[in-house]
Amino acid sequence: MDQEVAAPADAAAVAPTAEAKASPLARLIPEGLKVPTARQAFDAAWPPVLGITVFLTLWALLAPLVNTSLGTLPGPGDVWTAFTGLLGEYSAARAEQAAAEAAGGSWTGAPTFVDQVFTSLKTVGMGFALATIAAVPLGLIAGMSKKFNAAINPLVQIMRPISPLAWLPIVTMVVSASMTSEDPSMSKSFVISAVVVMLCSLWPTLINTAIGTASIDKDLINVGRVLKLSWAQRLTKLVLPSSLPYIFTGMRLSLGVGWMVLIAAEMLSQNPGLGKFVWDEFQNGNQQSLARIMVAVVSIGVIGFILDRVMMAMQAFVSRNRTV
């Protein structure tokens, strides 16, 4: 007796799809991103961990041997204690502020260390944004026009090495003369610091953008001419996609320069950020000042590292699947 053979079920119904097999955590990972294996993660992690451990050990051993006018140089433990103390001051200040506002009053206490960190971040963000807005268009035009590049190149090379300390008096006088309002939306010290950051940090972005634009494959430019693309179309469809890596490299350099310049600018302009914190602690000259200054120094380095990693992530995100 012949038996009927059932038709094979649809393969999609029988075998689970790769998406069904994937764990919920795997589906959260962006497509194309490779997750390192445990061995690869270990090989990448142990050298920096070892380097930091050796540095902290040498710091702890050698710090007591260095005597200053404020006592011995604080070690890692002293710096950590000072850091937790600063966080405690921030928590106490927020509690006082909440109590004053609940009572219908206003809190007028001095900014804490955490407040000054955020002030510095806002200041460098403003200066970096102004520098990017000015540098990227100028760099694109300089890369696309040899005559414009020749016109601005001497000015760039002259102004690029000028120290922020040289810019500060000029910027201070200009901003003070321009901001005549009795209650401005931004303080003069904030504007002065941001403008100094802009003047000192725009050059890496401008130069890298011009180099990236000028190094575009000439065949692409010829294709744009054949297709009769307008200047704006060549800029958006050919120039910008090809020069993005150069632009972001310049922006990373500019952000690093701006963060370094900011501390000196805040010291002299008295913008209530990390620079002013360091200067005030230096002027106080008590036993805790040196450890608190070391907290600020470590914080400046860590924040600079985080800002650089953020720019790297933005560059990778914008440049992925980049096509021309």
Protein backbone atom coordinates (compact mmCIF):
# COMPACT_ATOMS: atom_id res chain seq x y z
CA MET A 1 0.00 0.00 0.00
CA ASP A 2 1.49 3.27 -1.08
CA GLN A 3 2.04 5.79 1.67
CA GLU A 4 1.69 9.46 0.98
CA VAL A 5 4.81 11.45 1.72
CA ALA A 6 4.06 14.70 3.41
CA ALA A 7 5.42 17.77 1.68
CA PRO A 8 8.46 19.17 3.44
CA ALA A 9 7.68 22.03 5.71
CA ASP A 10 8.95 25.44 4.83
CA ALA A 11 12.61 25.73 5.77
CA ALA A 12 11.92 28.98 7.52
CA ALA A 13 9.37 27.23 9.71
CA VAL A 14 11.56 24.22 10.50
CA ALA A 15 14.91 25.84 11.15
CA PRO A 16 14.97 28.89 13.39
CA THR A 17 16.37 31.97 11.79
CA ALA A 18 19.67 33.48 12.85
CA GLU A 19 17.72 36.35 14.39
CA ALA A 20 15.66 33.91 16.47
CA LYS A 21 18.82 32.15 17.62
CA ALA A 22 20.45 35.39 18.67
CA SER A 23 20.22 36.25 22.31
CA PRO A 24 18.48 39.47 23.37
CA LEU A 25 21.89 40.92 24.27
CA ALA A 26 23.30 40.07 20.82
CA ARG A 27 20.39 41.84 19.11
CA LEU A 28 21.32 45.05 20.94
CA ILE A 29 24.76 45.08 19.28
CA PRO A 30 24.85 47.25 16.12
CA GLU A 31 25.20 45.32 12.88
CA GLY A 32 28.81 45.05 11.73
CA LEU A 33 30.28 45.58 15.20
CA LYS A 34 32.58 42.76 16.20
CA VAL A 35 32.56 41.76 19.85
CA PRO A 36 36.04 40.68 21.01
CA THR A 37 36.54 37.26 22.56
CA ALA A 38 37.53 36.89 26.19
CA ARG A 39 41.12 36.21 25.14
CA GLN A 40 41.25 39.30 22.94
CA ALA A 41 39.76 41.44 25.71
CA PHE A 42 42.32 40.14 28.20
CA ASP A 43 45.26 40.73 25.83
CA ALA A 44 44.05 44.31 25.23
CA ALA A 45 43.38 45.06 28.91
CA TRP A 46 46.38 43.76 30.83
CA PRO A 47 49.10 46.12 29.45
CA PRO A 48 47.32 49.37 30.46
CA VAL A 49 46.22 47.86 33.78
CA LEU A 50 49.81 46.85 34.50
CA GLY A 51 51.11 50.28 33.51
CA ILE A 52 48.63 52.10 35.76
CA THR A 53 49.41 49.74 38.65
CA VAL A 54 53.15 50.32 38.32
CA PHE A 55 52.60 54.09 38.14
CA LEU A 56 50.42 54.15 41.26
CA THR A 57 52.93 51.98 43.13
CA LEU A 58 55.84 54.28 42.25
CA TRP A 59 53.73 57.31 43.14
CA ALA A 60 52.85 55.86 46.55
CA LEU A 61 56.50 54.98 47.27
CA LEU A 62 58.12 58.19 46.07
CA ALA A 63 55.54 60.81 47.15
CA PRO A 64 56.54 60.78 50.87
CA LEU A 65 60.12 61.57 49.84
CA VAL A 66 59.14 64.89 48.21
CA ASN A 67 58.80 67.77 50.67
CA THR A 68 57.09 71.04 49.71
CA SER A 69 56.12 74.20 51.56
CA LEU A 70 52.71 72.60 52.18
CA GLY A 71 54.12 69.29 53.42
CA THR A 72 54.96 66.05 51.65
CA LEU A 73 53.57 65.33 48.21
CA PRO A 74 50.22 63.51 48.61
CA GLY A 75 50.10 59.90 47.51
CA PRO A 76 47.21 58.08 45.78
CA GLY A 77 45.49 57.40 49.11
CA ASP A 78 45.62 61.06 50.14
CA VAL A 79 44.28 62.14 46.76
CA TRP A 80 41.41 59.66 47.00
CA THR A 81 40.55 60.93 50.50
CA ALA A 82 40.54 64.51 49.19
CA PHE A 83 38.33 63.44 46.27
CA THR A 84 35.74 61.82 48.54
CA GLY A 85 35.84 64.95 50.71
CA LEU A 86 35.06 67.12 47.69
CA LEU A 87 32.14 64.86 46.77
CA GLY A 88 30.90 65.19 50.34
CA GLU A 89 31.05 68.98 50.03
CA TYR A 90 28.98 68.77 46.85
CA SER A 91 26.32 66.62 48.53
CA ALA A 92 26.17 68.98 51.53
CA ALA A 93 25.83 72.01 49.23
CA ARG A 94 22.98 70.39 47.31
CA ALA A 95 21.21 69.59 50.58
CA GLU A 96 21.58 73.22 51.71
CA GLN A 97 20.30 74.44 48.35
CA ALA A 98 17.24 72.17 48.54
CA ALA A 99 16.50 73.36 52.09
CA ALA A 100 16.86 77.03 51.12
CA GLU A 101 14.58 76.62 48.10
CA ALA A 102 12.02 74.72 50.17
CA ALA A 103 11.96 77.63 52.60
CA GLY A 104 11.24 80.02 49.74
CA GLY A 105 14.71 81.53 49.66
CA SER A 106 17.66 81.23 47.29
CA TRP A 107 20.98 79.52 47.80
CA THR A 108 24.04 81.74 47.40
CA GLY A 109 26.84 79.40 48.38
CA ALA A 110 30.16 79.12 46.55
CA PRO A 111 30.40 76.61 43.68
CA THR A 112 31.74 73.21 44.68
CA PHE A 113 34.37 71.17 42.86
CA VAL A 114 31.70 69.24 40.92
CA ASP A 115 30.00 72.49 39.91
CA GLN A 116 33.33 73.81 38.65
CA VAL A 117 33.91 70.64 36.60
CA PHE A 118 30.59 71.19 34.82
CA THR A 119 31.41 74.88 34.31
CA SER A 120 34.68 73.91 32.60
CA LEU A 121 32.87 71.38 30.41
CA LYS A 122 30.32 73.99 29.34
CA THR A 123 33.08 76.50 28.63
CA VAL A 124 35.18 74.15 26.53
CA GLY A 125 32.02 72.98 24.75
CA MET A 126 31.16 76.54 23.79
CA GLY A 127 34.69 77.33 22.64
CA PHE A 128 34.99 74.07 20.71
CA ALA A 129 31.63 74.62 18.99
CA LEU A 130 32.64 78.15 17.94
CA ALA A 131 35.99 76.86 16.68
CA THR A 132 34.34 74.09 14.65
CA ILE A 133 31.76 76.44 13.14
CA ALA A 134 34.56 78.77 12.00
CA ALA A 135 37.20 76.21 11.02
CA VAL A 136 35.29 73.62 8.98
CA PRO A 137 33.82 76.01 6.35
CA LEU A 138 37.14 77.87 6.02
CA GLY A 139 39.00 74.57 5.68
CA LEU A 140 36.61 73.30 3.01
CA ILE A 141 36.95 76.49 0.98
CA ALA A 142 40.74 76.47 1.39
CA GLY A 143 40.92 72.87 0.22
CA MET A 144 38.76 73.52 -2.83
CA SER A 145 40.41 76.80 -3.83
CA LYS A 146 44.20 77.09 -4.15
CA LYS A 147 44.02 80.88 -4.29
CA PHE A 148 41.98 81.12 -1.10
CA ASN A 149 44.36 78.70 0.58
CA ALA A 150 47.35 80.80 -0.48
CA ALA A 151 45.60 83.92 0.85
CA ILE A 152 44.90 82.62 4.37
CA ASN A 153 47.91 80.32 4.84
CA PRO A 154 50.30 83.08 6.07
CA LEU A 155 47.69 84.28 8.57
CA VAL A 156 47.11 80.75 9.84
CA GLN A 157 50.82 80.08 10.28
CA ILE A 158 51.30 83.39 12.13
CA MET A 159 48.30 83.09 14.46
CA ARG A 160 48.51 79.36 15.18
CA PRO A 161 51.46 79.49 17.65
CA ILE A 162 50.12 82.42 19.69
CA SER A 163 49.80 81.49 23.37
CA PRO A 164 46.44 81.74 25.14
CA LEU A 165 48.11 83.98 27.71
CA ALA A 166 48.83 86.47 24.91
CA TRP A 167 45.24 86.36 23.65
CA LEU A 168 43.69 86.75 27.10
CA PRO A 169 44.31 90.50 27.70
CA ILE A 170 43.06 91.40 24.22
CA VAL A 171 39.97 89.21 24.51
CA THR A 172 39.28 90.54 28.01
CA MET A 173 39.29 94.16 26.84
CA VAL A 174 37.15 93.43 23.76
CA VAL A 175 34.57 91.38 25.68
CA SER A 176 34.43 93.89 28.54
CA ALA A 177 33.81 96.71 26.07
CA SER A 178 31.19 94.70 24.17
CA MET A 179 29.18 93.32 27.10
CA THR A 180 27.73 96.45 28.67
CA SER A 181 24.50 94.93 29.99
CA GLU A 182 24.07 95.03 33.75
CA ASP A 183 22.63 91.49 33.84
CA PRO A 184 24.05 89.54 30.86
CA SER A 185 22.82 86.02 30.14
CA MET A 186 26.44 84.77 30.28
CA SER A 187 29.14 86.03 32.59
CA LYS A 188 32.07 87.92 31.13
CA SER A 189 34.57 85.42 32.51
CA PHE A 190 32.69 82.58 30.78
CA VAL A 191 32.68 84.39 27.42
CA ILE A 192 36.35 85.37 27.75
CA SER A 193 37.41 81.79 28.47
CA ALA A 194 35.29 80.39 25.63
CA VAL A 195 36.65 82.88 23.09
CA VAL A 196 40.25 82.16 24.12
CA VAL A 197 39.56 78.43 23.72
CA MET A 198 38.14 79.09 20.27
CA LEU A 199 41.09 81.23 19.12
CA CYS A 200 43.63 78.61 20.23
CA SER A 201 41.82 75.43 19.16
CA LEU A 202 40.40 76.17 15.71
CA TRP A 203 43.69 75.74 13.81
CA PRO A 204 44.01 71.91 13.88
CA THR A 205 40.49 71.53 12.52
CA LEU A 206 41.03 74.17 9.84
CA ILE A 207 44.34 72.69 8.67
CA ASN A 208 43.15 69.08 8.68
CA THR A 209 39.93 69.98 6.86
CA ALA A 210 41.88 71.83 4.17
CA ILE A 211 44.32 68.92 3.75
CA GLY A 212 41.50 66.37 3.58
CA THR A 213 39.59 68.41 1.03
CA ALA A 214 42.65 69.01 -1.15
CA SER A 215 43.62 65.32 -1.12
CA ILE A 216 40.37 64.08 -2.66
CA ASP A 217 40.87 61.78 -5.65
CA LYS A 218 40.89 63.92 -8.77
CA ASP A 219 38.84 61.31 -10.60
CA LEU A 220 35.95 62.08 -8.27
CA ILE A 221 36.20 65.76 -9.10
CA ASN A 222 36.24 64.94 -12.81
CA VAL A 223 33.16 62.74 -12.38
CA GLY A 224 31.43 65.66 -10.69
CA ARG A 225 32.27 67.88 -13.67
CA VAL A 226 30.99 65.27 -16.13
CA LEU A 227 27.75 64.96 -14.18
CA LYS A 228 27.55 68.76 -14.10
CA LEU A 229 27.13 68.85 -10.34
CA SER A 230 26.76 72.26 -8.81
CA TRP A 231 29.29 73.59 -6.29
CA ALA A 232 26.95 72.71 -3.42
CA GLN A 233 26.37 69.19 -4.79
CA ARG A 234 30.11 68.58 -5.18
CA LEU A 235 30.59 69.77 -1.61
CA THR A 236 27.89 67.55 -0.06
CA LYS A 237 28.21 64.45 -2.28
CA LEU A 238 31.95 64.30 -2.97
CA VAL A 239 34.02 66.57 -0.74
CA LEU A 240 32.43 66.10 2.68
CA PRO A 241 32.18 62.28 2.62
CA SER A 242 35.82 61.97 1.49
CA SER A 243 37.22 64.48 3.98
CA LEU A 244 35.27 63.35 7.07
CA PRO A 245 38.19 61.35 8.57
CA TYR A 246 40.47 64.38 8.27
CA ILE A 247 37.81 66.69 9.74
CA PHE A 248 37.25 64.48 12.78
CA THR A 249 40.99 64.06 13.31
CA GLY A 250 41.30 67.85 13.37
CA MET A 251 38.32 68.13 15.73
CA ARG A 252 39.90 65.63 18.13
CA LEU A 253 43.11 67.62 18.14
CA SER A 254 41.22 70.88 18.59
CA LEU A 255 39.25 69.53 21.53
CA GLY A 256 42.46 68.40 23.23
CA VAL A 257 44.09 71.78 22.67
CA GLY A 258 40.98 73.58 23.89
CA TRP A 259 40.85 71.53 27.10
CA MET A 260 44.50 72.35 27.85
CA VAL A 261 44.07 76.04 27.05
CA LEU A 262 40.93 76.29 29.16
CA ILE A 263 42.70 75.73 32.48
CA ALA A 264 45.10 78.64 31.96
CA ALA A 265 42.29 80.86 30.67
CA GLU A 266 40.11 80.14 33.71
CA MET A 267 42.97 80.87 36.10
CA LEU A 268 43.40 84.38 34.76
CA SER A 269 39.82 85.23 33.80
CA GLN A 270 38.48 83.81 37.10
CA ASN A 271 35.83 81.79 35.31
CA PRO A 272 34.54 79.46 38.08
CA GLY A 273 35.88 76.25 36.58
CA LEU A 274 38.71 73.84 37.24
CA GLY A 275 41.36 76.46 36.48
CA LYS A 276 39.98 78.79 39.14
CA PHE A 277 39.70 75.86 41.56
CA VAL A 278 43.41 75.08 41.15
CA TRP A 279 44.35 78.75 41.55
CA ASP A 280 42.19 79.23 44.65
CA GLU A 281 43.61 76.12 46.32
CA PHE A 282 47.13 77.30 45.53
CA GLN A 283 46.35 80.65 47.12
CA ASN A 284 44.80 79.03 50.21
CA GLY A 285 48.02 77.20 51.04
CA ASN A 286 46.63 74.92 53.77
CA GLN A 287 47.55 71.28 54.38
CA GLN A 288 44.70 69.95 52.23
CA SER A 289 45.35 72.25 49.28
CA LEU A 290 48.03 70.13 47.64
CA ALA A 291 45.90 66.98 47.71
CA ARG A 292 42.91 68.91 46.33
CA ILE A 293 45.08 70.34 43.55
CA MET A 294 46.19 66.79 42.72
CA VAL A 295 42.51 65.78 42.53
CA ALA A 296 41.95 68.55 39.99
CA VAL A 297 45.04 67.51 37.99
CA VAL A 298 43.91 63.87 37.81
CA SER A 299 40.36 64.96 36.95
CA ILE A 300 41.64 67.16 34.12
CA GLY A 301 43.54 64.23 32.66
CA VAL A 302 40.67 61.75 33.01
CA ILE A 303 38.13 64.16 31.52
CA GLY A 304 40.48 64.91 28.62
CA PHE A 305 40.81 61.17 27.96
CA ILE A 306 37.02 60.70 28.05
CA LEU A 307 36.48 63.62 25.66
CA ASP A 308 38.97 62.10 23.22
CA ARG A 309 37.21 58.69 23.41
CA VAL A 310 33.86 60.39 22.78
CA MET A 311 35.25 62.07 19.66
CA MET A 312 36.66 58.73 18.48
CA ALA A 313 33.26 57.09 18.91
CA MET A 314 31.57 59.93 17.02
CA GLN A 315 34.11 59.60 14.21
CA ALA A 316 33.53 55.85 13.95
CA PHE A 317 29.75 56.33 13.97
CA VAL A 318 29.71 59.06 11.32
CA SER A 319 32.26 57.32 9.10
CA ARG A 320 30.72 53.86 9.14
CA ASN A 321 29.29 52.68 5.82
CA ARG A 322 30.71 55.86 4.30
CA THR A 323 30.26 55.92 0.57
CA VAL A 324 31.10 58.49 -2.05
